[in-house]
Amino acid sequence: EILQPSSILLGAQDTHWEDKGAFTGEVS
């Protein structure tokens, strides 16, 4: 939301390899 008016790219520090499922604690 803060960066929305800018050209700055937002990144995440990791992801899971599945889009959804029983992966408690992971991020899709």
mmCIF file of all heavy atoms, coordinates in Angstrom:
data_MODEL
# 
_entry.id   MODEL 
# 
loop_
_atom_site.group_PDB 
_atom_site.id 
_atom_site.type_symbol 
_atom_site.label_atom_id 
_atom_site.label_alt_id 
_atom_site.label_comp_id 
_atom_site.label_asym_id 
_atom_site.label_entity_id 
_atom_site.label_seq_id 
_atom_site.pdbx_PDB_ins_code 
_atom_site.Cartn_x 
_atom_site.Cartn_y 
_atom_site.Cartn_z 
_atom_site.occupancy 
_atom_site.B_iso_or_equiv 
_atom_site.pdbx_formal_charge 
_atom_site.auth_seq_id 
_atom_site.auth_comp_id 
_atom_site.auth_asym_id 
_atom_site.auth_atom_id 
_atom_site.pdbx_PDB_model_num 
ATOM 1   N N   . GLU A 1 1  ? 0.834  -1.206  0.000   1.00 0.00 ? 1  GLU A N   1 
ATOM 2   C CA  . GLU A 1 1  ? 0.000  0.000   0.000   1.00 0.00 ? 1  GLU A CA  1 
ATOM 3   C C   . GLU A 1 1  ? 0.868  1.254   0.000   1.00 0.00 ? 1  GLU A C   1 
ATOM 4   O O   . GLU A 1 1  ? 0.581  2.225   -0.708  1.00 0.00 ? 1  GLU A O   1 
ATOM 5   C CB  . GLU A 1 1  ? -0.929 -0.007  1.211   1.00 0.00 ? 1  GLU A CB  1 
ATOM 6   C CG  . GLU A 1 1  ? -1.984 -1.108  1.161   1.00 0.00 ? 1  GLU A CG  1 
ATOM 7   C CD  . GLU A 1 1  ? -2.808 -1.177  2.431   1.00 0.00 ? 1  GLU A CD  1 
ATOM 8   O OE1 . GLU A 1 1  ? -2.463 -0.465  3.409   1.00 0.00 ? 1  GLU A OE1 1 
ATOM 9   O OE2 . GLU A 1 1  ? -3.779 -1.949  2.460   1.00 0.00 ? 1  GLU A OE2 1 
ATOM 10  N N   . ILE A 1 2  ? 1.944  1.227   0.765   1.00 0.00 ? 2  ILE A N   1 
ATOM 11  C CA  . ILE A 1 2  ? 2.837  2.380   0.836   1.00 0.00 ? 2  ILE A CA  1 
ATOM 12  C C   . ILE A 1 2  ? 3.514  2.612   -0.513  1.00 0.00 ? 2  ILE A C   1 
ATOM 13  O O   . ILE A 1 2  ? 3.638  3.745   -0.987  1.00 0.00 ? 2  ILE A O   1 
ATOM 14  C CB  . ILE A 1 2  ? 3.896  2.177   1.935   1.00 0.00 ? 2  ILE A CB  1 
ATOM 15  C CG1 . ILE A 1 2  ? 3.236  2.174   3.318   1.00 0.00 ? 2  ILE A CG1 1 
ATOM 16  C CG2 . ILE A 1 2  ? 4.979  3.252   1.858   1.00 0.00 ? 2  ILE A CG2 1 
ATOM 17  C CD1 . ILE A 1 2  ? 4.163  1.722   4.435   1.00 0.00 ? 2  ILE A CD1 1 
ATOM 18  N N   . LEU A 1 3  ? 3.944  1.536   -1.148  1.00 0.00 ? 3  LEU A N   1 
ATOM 19  C CA  . LEU A 1 3  ? 4.724  1.645   -2.384  1.00 0.00 ? 3  LEU A CA  1 
ATOM 20  C C   . LEU A 1 3  ? 3.865  1.771   -3.635  1.00 0.00 ? 3  LEU A C   1 
ATOM 21  O O   . LEU A 1 3  ? 4.388  1.988   -4.727  1.00 0.00 ? 3  LEU A O   1 
ATOM 22  C CB  . LEU A 1 3  ? 5.627  0.417   -2.526  1.00 0.00 ? 3  LEU A CB  1 
ATOM 23  C CG  . LEU A 1 3  ? 6.713  0.242   -1.460  1.00 0.00 ? 3  LEU A CG  1 
ATOM 24  C CD1 . LEU A 1 3  ? 7.453  -1.066  -1.675  1.00 0.00 ? 3  LEU A CD1 1 
ATOM 25  C CD2 . LEU A 1 3  ? 7.680  1.417   -1.467  1.00 0.00 ? 3  LEU A CD2 1 
ATOM 26  N N   . GLN A 1 4  ? 2.549  1.654   -3.493  1.00 0.00 ? 4  GLN A N   1 
ATOM 27  C CA  . GLN A 1 4  ? 1.655  1.621   -4.646  1.00 0.00 ? 4  GLN A CA  1 
ATOM 28  C C   . GLN A 1 4  ? 1.875  2.778   -5.632  1.00 0.00 ? 4  GLN A C   1 
ATOM 29  O O   . GLN A 1 4  ? 1.878  2.559   -6.850  1.00 0.00 ? 4  GLN A O   1 
ATOM 30  C CB  . GLN A 1 4  ? 0.204  1.577   -4.162  1.00 0.00 ? 4  GLN A CB  1 
ATOM 31  C CG  . GLN A 1 4  ? -0.817 1.249   -5.235  1.00 0.00 ? 4  GLN A CG  1 
ATOM 32  C CD  . GLN A 1 4  ? -1.229 2.474   -6.033  1.00 0.00 ? 4  GLN A CD  1 
ATOM 33  O OE1 . GLN A 1 4  ? -1.243 3.588   -5.492  1.00 0.00 ? 4  GLN A OE1 1 
ATOM 34  N NE2 . GLN A 1 4  ? -1.537 2.285   -7.303  1.00 0.00 ? 4  GLN A NE2 1 
ATOM 35  N N   . PRO A 1 5  ? 2.071  4.024   -5.162  1.00 0.00 ? 5  PRO A N   1 
ATOM 36  C CA  . PRO A 1 5  ? 2.259  5.118   -6.118  1.00 0.00 ? 5  PRO A CA  1 
ATOM 37  C C   . PRO A 1 5  ? 3.669  5.211   -6.694  1.00 0.00 ? 5  PRO A C   1 
ATOM 38  O O   . PRO A 1 5  ? 3.944  6.110   -7.491  1.00 0.00 ? 5  PRO A O   1 
ATOM 39  C CB  . PRO A 1 5  ? 1.936  6.353   -5.279  1.00 0.00 ? 5  PRO A CB  1 
ATOM 40  C CG  . PRO A 1 5  ? 2.331  5.974   -3.891  1.00 0.00 ? 5  PRO A CG  1 
ATOM 41  C CD  . PRO A 1 5  ? 1.984  4.518   -3.767  1.00 0.00 ? 5  PRO A CD  1 
ATOM 42  N N   . SER A 1 6  ? 4.552  4.318   -6.308  1.00 0.00 ? 6  SER A N   1 
ATOM 43  C CA  . SER A 1 6  ? 5.952  4.409   -6.732  1.00 0.00 ? 6  SER A CA  1 
ATOM 44  C C   . SER A 1 6  ? 6.297  3.323   -7.750  1.00 0.00 ? 6  SER A C   1 
ATOM 45  O O   . SER A 1 6  ? 5.484  2.455   -8.074  1.00 0.00 ? 6  SER A O   1 
ATOM 46  C CB  . SER A 1 6  ? 6.879  4.268   -5.513  1.00 0.00 ? 6  SER A CB  1 
ATOM 47  O OG  . SER A 1 6  ? 6.975  2.911   -5.115  1.00 0.00 ? 6  SER A OG  1 
ATOM 48  N N   . SER A 1 7  ? 7.521  3.376   -8.235  1.00 0.00 ? 7  SER A N   1 
ATOM 49  C CA  . SER A 1 7  ? 8.029  2.345   -9.150  1.00 0.00 ? 7  SER A CA  1 
ATOM 50  C C   . SER A 1 7  ? 8.863  1.307   -8.414  1.00 0.00 ? 7  SER A C   1 
ATOM 51  O O   . SER A 1 7  ? 9.444  0.411   -9.036  1.00 0.00 ? 7  SER A O   1 
ATOM 52  C CB  . SER A 1 7  ? 8.877  2.997   -10.249 1.00 0.00 ? 7  SER A CB  1 
ATOM 53  O OG  . SER A 1 7  ? 10.016 3.645   -9.684  1.00 0.00 ? 7  SER A OG  1 
ATOM 54  N N   . ILE A 1 8  ? 8.958  1.405   -7.086  1.00 0.00 ? 8  ILE A N   1 
ATOM 55  C CA  . ILE A 1 8  ? 9.755  0.484   -6.281  1.00 0.00 ? 8  ILE A CA  1 
ATOM 56  C C   . ILE A 1 8  ? 9.099  -0.883  -6.254  1.00 0.00 ? 8  ILE A C   1 
ATOM 57  O O   . ILE A 1 8  ? 7.889  -1.009  -6.027  1.00 0.00 ? 8  ILE A O   1 
ATOM 58  C CB  . ILE A 1 8  ? 9.949  1.019   -4.851  1.00 0.00 ? 8  ILE A CB  1 
ATOM 59  C CG1 . ILE A 1 8  ? 10.685 2.360   -4.893  1.00 0.00 ? 8  ILE A CG1 1 
ATOM 60  C CG2 . ILE A 1 8  ? 10.715 0.019   -3.985  1.00 0.00 ? 8  ILE A CG2 1 
ATOM 61  C CD1 . ILE A 1 8  ? 10.727 3.074   -3.559  1.00 0.00 ? 8  ILE A CD1 1 
ATOM 62  N N   . LEU A 1 9  ? 9.882  -1.917  -6.481  1.00 0.00 ? 9  LEU A N   1 
ATOM 63  C CA  . LEU A 1 9  ? 9.379  -3.285  -6.521  1.00 0.00 ? 9  LEU A CA  1 
ATOM 64  C C   . LEU A 1 9  ? 9.388  -3.897  -5.125  1.00 0.00 ? 9  LEU A C   1 
ATOM 65  O O   . LEU A 1 9  ? 10.364 -3.749  -4.381  1.00 0.00 ? 9  LEU A O   1 
ATOM 66  C CB  . LEU A 1 9  ? 10.239 -4.129  -7.459  1.00 0.00 ? 9  LEU A CB  1 
ATOM 67  C CG  . LEU A 1 9  ? 10.356 -3.636  -8.901  1.00 0.00 ? 9  LEU A CG  1 
ATOM 68  C CD1 . LEU A 1 9  ? 11.391 -4.460  -9.658  1.00 0.00 ? 9  LEU A CD1 1 
ATOM 69  C CD2 . LEU A 1 9  ? 9.008  -3.690  -9.603  1.00 0.00 ? 9  LEU A CD2 1 
ATOM 70  N N   . LEU A 1 10 ? 8.325  -4.590  -4.797  1.00 0.00 ? 10 LEU A N   1 
ATOM 71  C CA  . LEU A 1 10 ? 8.209  -5.250  -3.501  1.00 0.00 ? 10 LEU A CA  1 
ATOM 72  C C   . LEU A 1 10 ? 8.514  -6.733  -3.654  1.00 0.00 ? 10 LEU A C   1 
ATOM 73  O O   . LEU A 1 10 ? 8.015  -7.390  -4.567  1.00 0.00 ? 10 LEU A O   1 
ATOM 74  C CB  . LEU A 1 10 ? 6.797  -5.057  -2.947  1.00 0.00 ? 10 LEU A CB  1 
ATOM 75  C CG  . LEU A 1 10 ? 6.492  -5.690  -1.583  1.00 0.00 ? 10 LEU A CG  1 
ATOM 76  C CD1 . LEU A 1 10 ? 7.334  -5.041  -0.486  1.00 0.00 ? 10 LEU A CD1 1 
ATOM 77  C CD2 . LEU A 1 10 ? 5.005  -5.560  -1.270  1.00 0.00 ? 10 LEU A CD2 1 
ATOM 78  N N   . GLY A 1 11 ? 9.339  -7.251  -2.744  1.00 0.00 ? 11 GLY A N   1 
ATOM 79  C CA  . GLY A 1 11 ? 9.684  -8.662  -2.792  1.00 0.00 ? 11 GLY A CA  1 
ATOM 80  C C   . GLY A 1 11 ? 9.332  -9.381  -1.515  1.00 0.00 ? 11 GLY A C   1 
ATOM 81  O O   . GLY A 1 11 ? 9.143  -8.764  -0.465  1.00 0.00 ? 11 GLY A O   1 
ATOM 82  N N   . ALA A 1 12 ? 9.246  -10.706 -1.606  1.00 0.00 ? 12 ALA A N   1 
ATOM 83  C CA  . ALA A 1 12 ? 9.034  -11.561 -0.441  1.00 0.00 ? 12 ALA A CA  1 
ATOM 84  C C   . ALA A 1 12 ? 10.293 -12.381 -0.204  1.00 0.00 ? 12 ALA A C   1 
ATOM 85  O O   . ALA A 1 12 ? 11.089 -12.593 -1.123  1.00 0.00 ? 12 ALA A O   1 
ATOM 86  C CB  . ALA A 1 12 ? 7.837  -12.481 -0.663  1.00 0.00 ? 12 ALA A CB  1 
ATOM 87  N N   . GLN A 1 13 ? 10.464 -12.868 1.022   1.00 0.00 ? 13 GLN A N   1 
ATOM 88  C CA  . GLN A 1 13 ? 11.710 -13.539 1.395   1.00 0.00 ? 13 GLN A CA  1 
ATOM 89  C C   . GLN A 1 13 ? 11.715 -15.036 1.112   1.00 0.00 ? 13 GLN A C   1 
ATOM 90  O O   . GLN A 1 13 ? 12.757 -15.687 1.265   1.00 0.00 ? 13 GLN A O   1 
ATOM 91  C CB  . GLN A 1 13 ? 12.006 -13.292 2.875   1.00 0.00 ? 13 GLN A CB  1 
ATOM 92  C CG  . GLN A 1 13 ? 12.333 -11.838 3.174   1.00 0.00 ? 13 GLN A CG  1 
ATOM 93  C CD  . GLN A 1 13 ? 12.757 -11.606 4.614   1.00 0.00 ? 13 GLN A CD  1 
ATOM 94  O OE1 . GLN A 1 13 ? 13.128 -12.533 5.327   1.00 0.00 ? 13 GLN A OE1 1 
ATOM 95  N NE2 . GLN A 1 13 ? 12.721 -10.362 5.047   1.00 0.00 ? 13 GLN A NE2 1 
ATOM 96  N N   . ASP A 1 14 ? 10.587 -15.591 0.689   1.00 0.00 ? 14 ASP A N   1 
ATOM 97  C CA  . ASP A 1 14 ? 10.538 -17.027 0.389   1.00 0.00 ? 14 ASP A CA  1 
ATOM 98  C C   . ASP A 1 14 ? 9.147  -17.347 -0.125  1.00 0.00 ? 14 ASP A C   1 
ATOM 99  O O   . ASP A 1 14 ? 8.248  -16.495 -0.104  1.00 0.00 ? 14 ASP A O   1 
ATOM 100 C CB  . ASP A 1 14 ? 10.847 -17.850 1.650   1.00 0.00 ? 14 ASP A CB  1 
ATOM 101 C CG  . ASP A 1 14 ? 11.090 -19.333 1.346   1.00 0.00 ? 14 ASP A CG  1 
ATOM 102 O OD1 . ASP A 1 14 ? 11.495 -19.652 0.216   1.00 0.00 ? 14 ASP A OD1 1 
ATOM 103 O OD2 . ASP A 1 14 ? 10.868 -20.160 2.243   1.00 0.00 ? 14 ASP A OD2 1 
ATOM 104 N N   . THR A 1 15 ? 8.952  -18.551 -0.607  1.00 0.00 ? 15 THR A N   1 
ATOM 105 C CA  . THR A 1 15 ? 7.632  -19.035 -0.980  1.00 0.00 ? 15 THR A CA  1 
ATOM 106 C C   . THR A 1 15 ? 7.640  -20.557 -0.923  1.00 0.00 ? 15 THR A C   1 
ATOM 107 O O   . THR A 1 15 ? 8.715  -21.177 -0.858  1.00 0.00 ? 15 THR A O   1 
ATOM 108 C CB  . THR A 1 15 ? 7.225  -18.565 -2.385  1.00 0.00 ? 15 THR A CB  1 
ATOM 109 O OG1 . THR A 1 15 ? 5.856  -18.883 -2.615  1.00 0.00 ? 15 THR A OG1 1 
ATOM 110 C CG2 . THR A 1 15 ? 8.055  -19.263 -3.464  1.00 0.00 ? 15 THR A CG2 1 
ATOM 111 N N   . HIS A 1 16 ? 6.456  -21.152 -0.942  1.00 0.00 ? 16 HIS A N   1 
ATOM 112 C CA  . HIS A 1 16 ? 6.366  -22.604 -1.087  1.00 0.00 ? 16 HIS A CA  1 
ATOM 113 C C   . HIS A 1 16 ? 6.270  -22.932 -2.568  1.00 0.00 ? 16 HIS A C   1 
ATOM 114 O O   . HIS A 1 16 ? 5.989  -22.068 -3.385  1.00 0.00 ? 16 HIS A O   1 
ATOM 115 C CB  . HIS A 1 16 ? 5.147  -23.152 -0.338  1.00 0.00 ? 16 HIS A CB  1 
ATOM 116 C CG  . HIS A 1 16 ? 5.200  -24.629 -0.127  1.00 0.00 ? 16 HIS A CG  1 
ATOM 117 N ND1 . HIS A 1 16 ? 4.652  -25.527 -1.015  1.00 0.00 ? 16 HIS A ND1 1 
ATOM 118 C CD2 . HIS A 1 16 ? 5.756  -25.369 0.851   1.00 0.00 ? 16 HIS A CD2 1 
ATOM 119 C CE1 . HIS A 1 16 ? 4.860  -26.760 -0.588  1.00 0.00 ? 16 HIS A CE1 1 
ATOM 120 N NE2 . HIS A 1 16 ? 5.535  -26.692 0.548   1.00 0.00 ? 16 HIS A NE2 1 
ATOM 121 N N   . TRP A 1 17 ? 6.529  -24.195 -2.913  1.00 0.00 ? 17 TRP A N   1 
ATOM 122 C CA  . TRP A 1 17 ? 6.487  -24.581 -4.328  1.00 0.00 ? 17 TRP A CA  1 
ATOM 123 C C   . TRP A 1 17 ? 5.096  -25.008 -4.783  1.00 0.00 ? 17 TRP A C   1 
ATOM 124 O O   . TRP A 1 17 ? 4.876  -25.203 -5.976  1.00 0.00 ? 17 TRP A O   1 
ATOM 125 C CB  . TRP A 1 17 ? 7.506  -25.678 -4.628  1.00 0.00 ? 17 TRP A CB  1 
ATOM 126 C CG  . TRP A 1 17 ? 7.349  -26.923 -3.792  1.00 0.00 ? 17 TRP A CG  1 
ATOM 127 C CD1 . TRP A 1 17 ? 6.411  -27.907 -3.916  1.00 0.00 ? 17 TRP A CD1 1 
ATOM 128 C CD2 . TRP A 1 17 ? 8.182  -27.308 -2.702  1.00 0.00 ? 17 TRP A CD2 1 
ATOM 129 N NE1 . TRP A 1 17 ? 6.596  -28.890 -2.980  1.00 0.00 ? 17 TRP A NE1 1 
ATOM 130 C CE2 . TRP A 1 17 ? 7.688  -28.550 -2.212  1.00 0.00 ? 17 TRP A CE2 1 
ATOM 131 C CE3 . TRP A 1 17 ? 9.304  -26.734 -2.089  1.00 0.00 ? 17 TRP A CE3 1 
ATOM 132 C CZ2 . TRP A 1 17 ? 8.280  -29.219 -1.133  1.00 0.00 ? 17 TRP A CZ2 1 
ATOM 133 C CZ3 . TRP A 1 17 ? 9.878  -27.401 -1.011  1.00 0.00 ? 17 TRP A CZ3 1 
ATOM 134 C CH2 . TRP A 1 17 ? 9.370  -28.620 -0.547  1.00 0.00 ? 17 TRP A CH2 1 
ATOM 135 N N   . GLU A 1 18 ? 4.153  -25.146 -3.844  1.00 0.00 ? 18 GLU A N   1 
ATOM 136 C CA  . GLU A 1 18 ? 2.773  -25.449 -4.211  1.00 0.00 ? 18 GLU A CA  1 
ATOM 137 C C   . GLU A 1 18 ? 1.919  -24.201 -4.030  1.00 0.00 ? 18 GLU A C   1 
ATOM 138 O O   . GLU A 1 18 ? 2.174  -23.369 -3.149  1.00 0.00 ? 18 GLU A O   1 
ATOM 139 C CB  . GLU A 1 18 ? 2.217  -26.580 -3.346  1.00 0.00 ? 18 GLU A CB  1 
ATOM 140 C CG  . GLU A 1 18 ? 2.895  -27.926 -3.551  1.00 0.00 ? 18 GLU A CG  1 
ATOM 141 C CD  . GLU A 1 18 ? 2.588  -28.561 -4.894  1.00 0.00 ? 18 GLU A CD  1 
ATOM 142 O OE1 . GLU A 1 18 ? 1.670  -28.050 -5.590  1.00 0.00 ? 18 GLU A OE1 1 
ATOM 143 O OE2 . GLU A 1 18 ? 3.246  -29.551 -5.251  1.00 0.00 ? 18 GLU A OE2 1 
ATOM 144 N N   . ASP A 1 19 ? 0.882  -24.080 -4.850  1.00 0.00 ? 19 ASP A N   1 
ATOM 145 C CA  . ASP A 1 19 ? 0.009  -22.919 -4.764  1.00 0.00 ? 19 ASP A CA  1 
ATOM 146 C C   . ASP A 1 19 ? -0.902 -22.979 -3.546  1.00 0.00 ? 19 ASP A C   1 
ATOM 147 O O   . ASP A 1 19 ? -1.288 -21.941 -3.001  1.00 0.00 ? 19 ASP A O   1 
ATOM 148 C CB  . ASP A 1 19 ? -0.839 -22.800 -6.033  1.00 0.00 ? 19 ASP A CB  1 
ATOM 149 C CG  . ASP A 1 19 ? -0.007 -22.438 -7.254  1.00 0.00 ? 19 ASP A CG  1 
ATOM 150 O OD1 . ASP A 1 19 ? 1.206  -22.179 -7.095  1.00 0.00 ? 19 ASP A OD1 1 
ATOM 151 O OD2 . ASP A 1 19 ? -0.565 -22.420 -8.364  1.00 0.00 ? 19 ASP A OD2 1 
ATOM 152 N N   . LYS A 1 20 ? -1.295 -24.181 -3.136  1.00 0.00 ? 20 LYS A N   1 
ATOM 153 C CA  . LYS A 1 20 ? -2.146 -24.334 -1.951  1.00 0.00 ? 20 LYS A CA  1 
ATOM 154 C C   . LYS A 1 20 ? -2.049 -25.760 -1.442  1.00 0.00 ? 20 LYS A C   1 
ATOM 155 O O   . LYS A 1 20 ? -1.565 -26.653 -2.141  1.00 0.00 ? 20 LYS A O   1 
ATOM 156 C CB  . LYS A 1 20 ? -3.606 -24.000 -2.280  1.00 0.00 ? 20 LYS A CB  1 
ATOM 157 C CG  . LYS A 1 20 ? -4.246 -24.906 -3.326  1.00 0.00 ? 20 LYS A CG  1 
ATOM 158 C CD  . LYS A 1 20 ? -5.681 -24.477 -3.575  1.00 0.00 ? 20 LYS A CD  1 
ATOM 159 C CE  . LYS A 1 20 ? -6.344 -25.366 -4.641  1.00 0.00 ? 20 LYS A CE  1 
ATOM 160 N NZ  . LYS A 1 20 ? -7.754 -24.950 -4.884  1.00 0.00 ? 20 LYS A NZ  1 
ATOM 161 N N   . GLY A 1 21 ? -2.474 -25.963 -0.198  1.00 0.00 ? 21 GLY A N   1 
ATOM 162 C CA  . GLY A 1 21 ? -2.458 -27.314 0.348   1.00 0.00 ? 21 GLY A CA  1 
ATOM 163 C C   . GLY A 1 21 ? -2.180 -27.328 1.835   1.00 0.00 ? 21 GLY A C   1 
ATOM 164 O O   . GLY A 1 21 ? -2.152 -26.294 2.507   1.00 0.00 ? 21 GLY A O   1 
ATOM 165 N N   . ALA A 1 22 ? -1.959 -28.540 2.344   1.00 0.00 ? 22 ALA A N   1 
ATOM 166 C CA  . ALA A 1 22 ? -1.726 -28.738 3.779   1.00 0.00 ? 22 ALA A CA  1 
ATOM 167 C C   . ALA A 1 22 ? -0.249 -28.533 4.104   1.00 0.00 ? 22 ALA A C   1 
ATOM 168 O O   . ALA A 1 22 ? 0.506  -29.478 4.319   1.00 0.00 ? 22 ALA A O   1 
ATOM 169 C CB  . ALA A 1 22 ? -2.175 -30.142 4.188   1.00 0.00 ? 22 ALA A CB  1 
ATOM 170 N N   . PHE A 1 23 ? 0.160  -27.269 4.104   1.00 0.00 ? 23 PHE A N   1 
ATOM 171 C CA  . PHE A 1 23 ? 1.562  -26.916 4.345   1.00 0.00 ? 23 PHE A CA  1 
ATOM 172 C C   . PHE A 1 23 ? 1.615  -25.851 5.444   1.00 0.00 ? 23 PHE A C   1 
ATOM 173 O O   . PHE A 1 23 ? 1.928  -24.684 5.191   1.00 0.00 ? 23 PHE A O   1 
ATOM 174 C CB  . PHE A 1 23 ? 2.219  -26.414 3.060   1.00 0.00 ? 23 PHE A CB  1 
ATOM 175 C CG  . PHE A 1 23 ? 2.109  -27.385 1.913   1.00 0.00 ? 23 PHE A CG  1 
ATOM 176 C CD1 . PHE A 1 23 ? 1.231  -27.144 0.865   1.00 0.00 ? 23 PHE A CD1 1 
ATOM 177 C CD2 . PHE A 1 23 ? 2.850  -28.555 1.905   1.00 0.00 ? 23 PHE A CD2 1 
ATOM 178 C CE1 . PHE A 1 23 ? 1.115  -28.030 -0.181  1.00 0.00 ? 23 PHE A CE1 1 
ATOM 179 C CE2 . PHE A 1 23 ? 2.740  -29.460 0.860   1.00 0.00 ? 23 PHE A CE2 1 
ATOM 180 C CZ  . PHE A 1 23 ? 1.868  -29.203 -0.185  1.00 0.00 ? 23 PHE A CZ  1 
ATOM 181 N N   . THR A 1 24 ? 1.281  -26.247 6.638   1.00 0.00 ? 24 THR A N   1 
ATOM 182 C CA  . THR A 1 24 ? 1.186  -25.326 7.765   1.00 0.00 ? 24 THR A CA  1 
ATOM 183 C C   . THR A 1 24 ? 2.472  -24.517 7.947   1.00 0.00 ? 24 THR A C   1 
ATOM 184 O O   . THR A 1 24 ? 3.568  -25.082 7.979   1.00 0.00 ? 24 THR A O   1 
ATOM 185 C CB  . THR A 1 24 ? 0.887  -26.097 9.062   1.00 0.00 ? 24 THR A CB  1 
ATOM 186 O OG1 . THR A 1 24 ? -0.342 -26.811 8.902   1.00 0.00 ? 24 THR A OG1 1 
ATOM 187 C CG2 . THR A 1 24 ? 0.771  -25.158 10.246  1.00 0.00 ? 24 THR A CG2 1 
ATOM 188 N N   . GLY A 1 25 ? 2.301  -23.214 8.052   1.00 0.00 ? 25 GLY A N   1 
ATOM 189 C CA  . GLY A 1 25 ? 3.444  -22.338 8.271   1.00 0.00 ? 25 GLY A CA  1 
ATOM 190 C C   . GLY A 1 25 ? 4.102  -21.830 7.007   1.00 0.00 ? 25 GLY A C   1 
ATOM 191 O O   . GLY A 1 25 ? 4.945  -20.931 7.077   1.00 0.00 ? 25 GLY A O   1 
ATOM 192 N N   . GLU A 1 26 ? 3.731  -22.377 5.854   1.00 0.00 ? 26 GLU A N   1 
ATOM 193 C CA  . GLU A 1 26 ? 4.314  -21.934 4.592   1.00 0.00 ? 26 GLU A CA  1 
ATOM 194 C C   . GLU A 1 26 ? 3.466  -20.823 3.975   1.00 0.00 ? 26 GLU A C   1 
ATOM 195 O O   . GLU A 1 26 ? 2.337  -20.570 4.400   1.00 0.00 ? 26 GLU A O   1 
ATOM 196 C CB  . GLU A 1 26 ? 4.419  -23.117 3.621   1.00 0.00 ? 26 GLU A CB  1 
ATOM 197 C CG  . GLU A 1 26 ? 5.401  -24.187 4.068   1.00 0.00 ? 26 GLU A CG  1 
ATOM 198 C CD  . GLU A 1 26 ? 6.833  -23.687 4.064   1.00 0.00 ? 26 GLU A CD  1 
ATOM 199 O OE1 . GLU A 1 26 ? 7.180  -22.856 3.190   1.00 0.00 ? 26 GLU A OE1 1 
ATOM 200 O OE2 . GLU A 1 26 ? 7.611  -24.116 4.915   1.00 0.00 ? 26 GLU A OE2 1 
ATOM 201 N N   . VAL A 1 27 ? 4.010  -20.176 2.952   1.00 0.00 ? 27 VAL A N   1 
ATOM 202 C CA  . VAL A 1 27 ? 3.305  -19.082 2.287   1.00 0.00 ? 27 VAL A CA  1 
ATOM 203 C C   . VAL A 1 27 ? 3.184  -19.390 0.797   1.00 0.00 ? 27 VAL A C   1 
ATOM 204 O O   . VAL A 1 27 ? 4.173  -19.712 0.135   1.00 0.00 ? 27 VAL A O   1 
ATOM 205 C CB  . VAL A 1 27 ? 4.029  -17.743 2.494   1.00 0.00 ? 27 VAL A CB  1 
ATOM 206 C CG1 . VAL A 1 27 ? 3.280  -16.621 1.786   1.00 0.00 ? 27 VAL A CG1 1 
ATOM 207 C CG2 . VAL A 1 27 ? 4.139  -17.424 3.981   1.00 0.00 ? 27 VAL A CG2 1 
ATOM 208 N N   . SER A 1 28 ? 1.975  -19.297 0.285   1.00 0.00 ? 28 SER A N   1 
ATOM 209 C CA  . SER A 1 28 ? 1.687  -19.612 -1.109  1.00 0.00 ? 28 SER A CA  1 
ATOM 210 C C   . SER A 1 28 ? 2.161  -18.508 -2.048  1.00 0.00 ? 28 SER A C   1 
ATOM 211 O O   . SER A 1 28 ? 1.988  -17.324 -1.756  1.00 0.00 ? 28 SER A O   1 
ATOM 212 C CB  . SER A 1 28 ? 0.177  -19.804 -1.281  1.00 0.00 ? 28 SER A CB  1 
ATOM 213 O OG  . SER A 1 28 ? -0.200 -19.713 -2.637  1.00 0.00 ? 28 SER A OG  1 
# 
